[in-house]
């Protein structure tokens, strides 16, 4: 079986196998979508639509490779 770095994770792709960190590239692992700093102060965060609030890359389920 052949594996490759996940194209959708955070992290430096192409540096070496397993270099991607498995975190969602939209929320960077927080699980939240922040619209702006003001919304953050007012409590306007909502769950990230990309990962559903888990903070984990949905493509590789947090492994960093596929």
C-alpha atoms as a PDB file:
ATOM      1  CA  UNK A   1       0.000   0.000   0.000  1.00  0.00           C
ATOM      2  CA  UNK A   2       1.329   3.462  -0.915  1.00  0.00           C
ATOM      3  CA  UNK A   3       0.735   6.593   1.168  1.00  0.00           C
ATOM      4  CA  UNK A   4       1.225  10.275   0.396  1.00  0.00           C
ATOM      5  CA  UNK A   5       0.952  13.517   2.356  1.00  0.00           C
ATOM      6  CA  UNK A   6      -2.600  14.767   2.674  1.00  0.00           C
ATOM      7  CA  UNK A   7      -3.153  17.716   0.314  1.00  0.00           C
ATOM      8  CA  UNK A   8      -5.705  19.358   2.629  1.00  0.00           C
ATOM      9  CA  UNK A   9      -3.890  19.484   6.008  1.00  0.00           C
ATOM     10  CA  UNK A  10      -2.142  22.375   7.646  1.00  0.00           C
ATOM     11  CA  UNK A  11       1.592  22.158   7.559  1.00  0.00           C
ATOM     12  CA  UNK A  12       4.395  22.242   5.016  1.00  0.00           C
ATOM     13  CA  UNK A  13       3.503  19.824   2.261  1.00  0.00           C
ATOM     14  CA  UNK A  14       6.178  18.249   0.141  1.00  0.00           C
ATOM     15  CA  UNK A  15       8.938  18.423   2.758  1.00  0.00           C
ATOM     16  CA  UNK A  16       8.740  14.768   3.638  1.00  0.00           C
ATOM     17  CA  UNK A  17       6.285  12.004   4.279  1.00  0.00           C
ATOM     18  CA  UNK A  18       4.114  12.726   7.309  1.00  0.00           C
ATOM     19  CA  UNK A  19       5.060  16.415   7.463  1.00  0.00           C
ATOM     20  CA  UNK A  20       1.444  17.563   7.447  1.00  0.00           C
ATOM     21  CA  UNK A  21       0.026  17.924  10.943  1.00  0.00           C
ATOM     22  CA  UNK A  22      -3.514  16.565  10.454  1.00  0.00           C
ATOM     23  CA  UNK A  23      -5.204  19.790  11.536  1.00  0.00           C
ATOM     24  CA  UNK A  24      -8.000  21.408   9.575  1.00  0.00           C
ATOM     25  CA  UNK A  25      -6.542  23.964   7.155  1.00  0.00           C
ATOM     26  CA  UNK A  26      -9.504  26.326   7.614  1.00  0.00           C
ATOM     27  CA  UNK A  27      -9.602  26.653  11.431  1.00  0.00           C
ATOM     28  CA  UNK A  28      -6.009  25.443  12.044  1.00  0.00           C
ATOM     29  CA  UNK A  29      -7.136  22.930  14.639  1.00  0.00           C
ATOM     30  CA  UNK A  30      -9.307  25.208  16.782  1.00  0.00           C
ATOM     31  CA  UNK A  31     -12.626  23.850  15.513  1.00  0.00           C
ATOM     32  CA  UNK A  32     -13.982  27.398  15.326  1.00  0.00           C
ATOM     33  CA  UNK A  33     -14.569  29.913  12.566  1.00  0.00           C
ATOM     34  CA  UNK A  34     -13.633  33.408  13.639  1.00  0.00           C
ATOM     35  CA  UNK A  35     -15.043  36.097  11.414  1.00  0.00           C
ATOM     36  CA  UNK A  36     -13.082  38.942  13.002  1.00  0.00           C
ATOM     37  CA  UNK A  37     -11.455  39.958  16.252  1.00  0.00           C
ATOM     38  CA  UNK A  38     -14.580  41.906  17.231  1.00  0.00           C
ATOM     39  CA  UNK A  39     -16.777  38.836  16.689  1.00  0.00           C
ATOM     40  CA  UNK A  40     -14.340  36.826  18.798  1.00  0.00           C
ATOM     41  CA  UNK A  41     -14.732  39.300  21.677  1.00  0.00           C
ATOM     42  CA  UNK A  42     -18.521  39.282  21.326  1.00  0.00           C
ATOM     43  CA  UNK A  43     -18.658  35.484  21.250  1.00  0.00           C
ATOM     44  CA  UNK A  44     -19.476  35.224  17.554  1.00  0.00           C
ATOM     45  CA  UNK A  45     -17.442  32.109  16.903  1.00  0.00           C
ATOM     46  CA  UNK A  46     -19.207  29.183  15.298  1.00  0.00           C
ATOM     47  CA  UNK A  47     -18.104  25.657  14.469  1.00  0.00           C
ATOM     48  CA  UNK A  48     -15.846  25.369  11.458  1.00  0.00           C
ATOM     49  CA  UNK A  49     -17.833  24.262   8.409  1.00  0.00           C
ATOM     50  CA  UNK A  50     -14.872  22.379   6.948  1.00  0.00           C
ATOM     51  CA  UNK A  51     -14.225  20.019   9.886  1.00  0.00           C
ATOM     52  CA  UNK A  52     -17.554  20.301  11.724  1.00  0.00           C
ATOM     53  CA  UNK A  53     -15.850  21.702  14.816  1.00  0.00           C
ATOM     54  CA  UNK A  54     -13.462  18.812  15.397  1.00  0.00           C
ATOM     55  CA  UNK A  55     -10.306  20.683  14.346  1.00  0.00           C
ATOM     56  CA  UNK A  56      -9.168  17.578  12.472  1.00  0.00           C
ATOM     57  CA  UNK A  57      -8.565  17.471   8.729  1.00  0.00           C
ATOM     58  CA  UNK A  58     -11.630  15.763   7.227  1.00  0.00           C
ATOM     59  CA  UNK A  59      -9.670  14.360   4.286  1.00  0.00           C
ATOM     60  CA  UNK A  60      -7.201  12.239   6.290  1.00  0.00           C
ATOM     61  CA  UNK A  61      -8.972  12.133   9.692  1.00  0.00           C
ATOM     62  CA  UNK A  62      -5.980  13.770  11.368  1.00  0.00           C
ATOM     63  CA  UNK A  63      -3.324  11.325  10.164  1.00  0.00           C
ATOM     64  CA  UNK A  64      -1.463  13.767   7.893  1.00  0.00           C
ATOM     65  CA  UNK A  65      -1.349  11.282   5.034  1.00  0.00           C
ATOM     66  CA  UNK A  66      -3.756   9.471   2.717  1.00  0.00           C
END
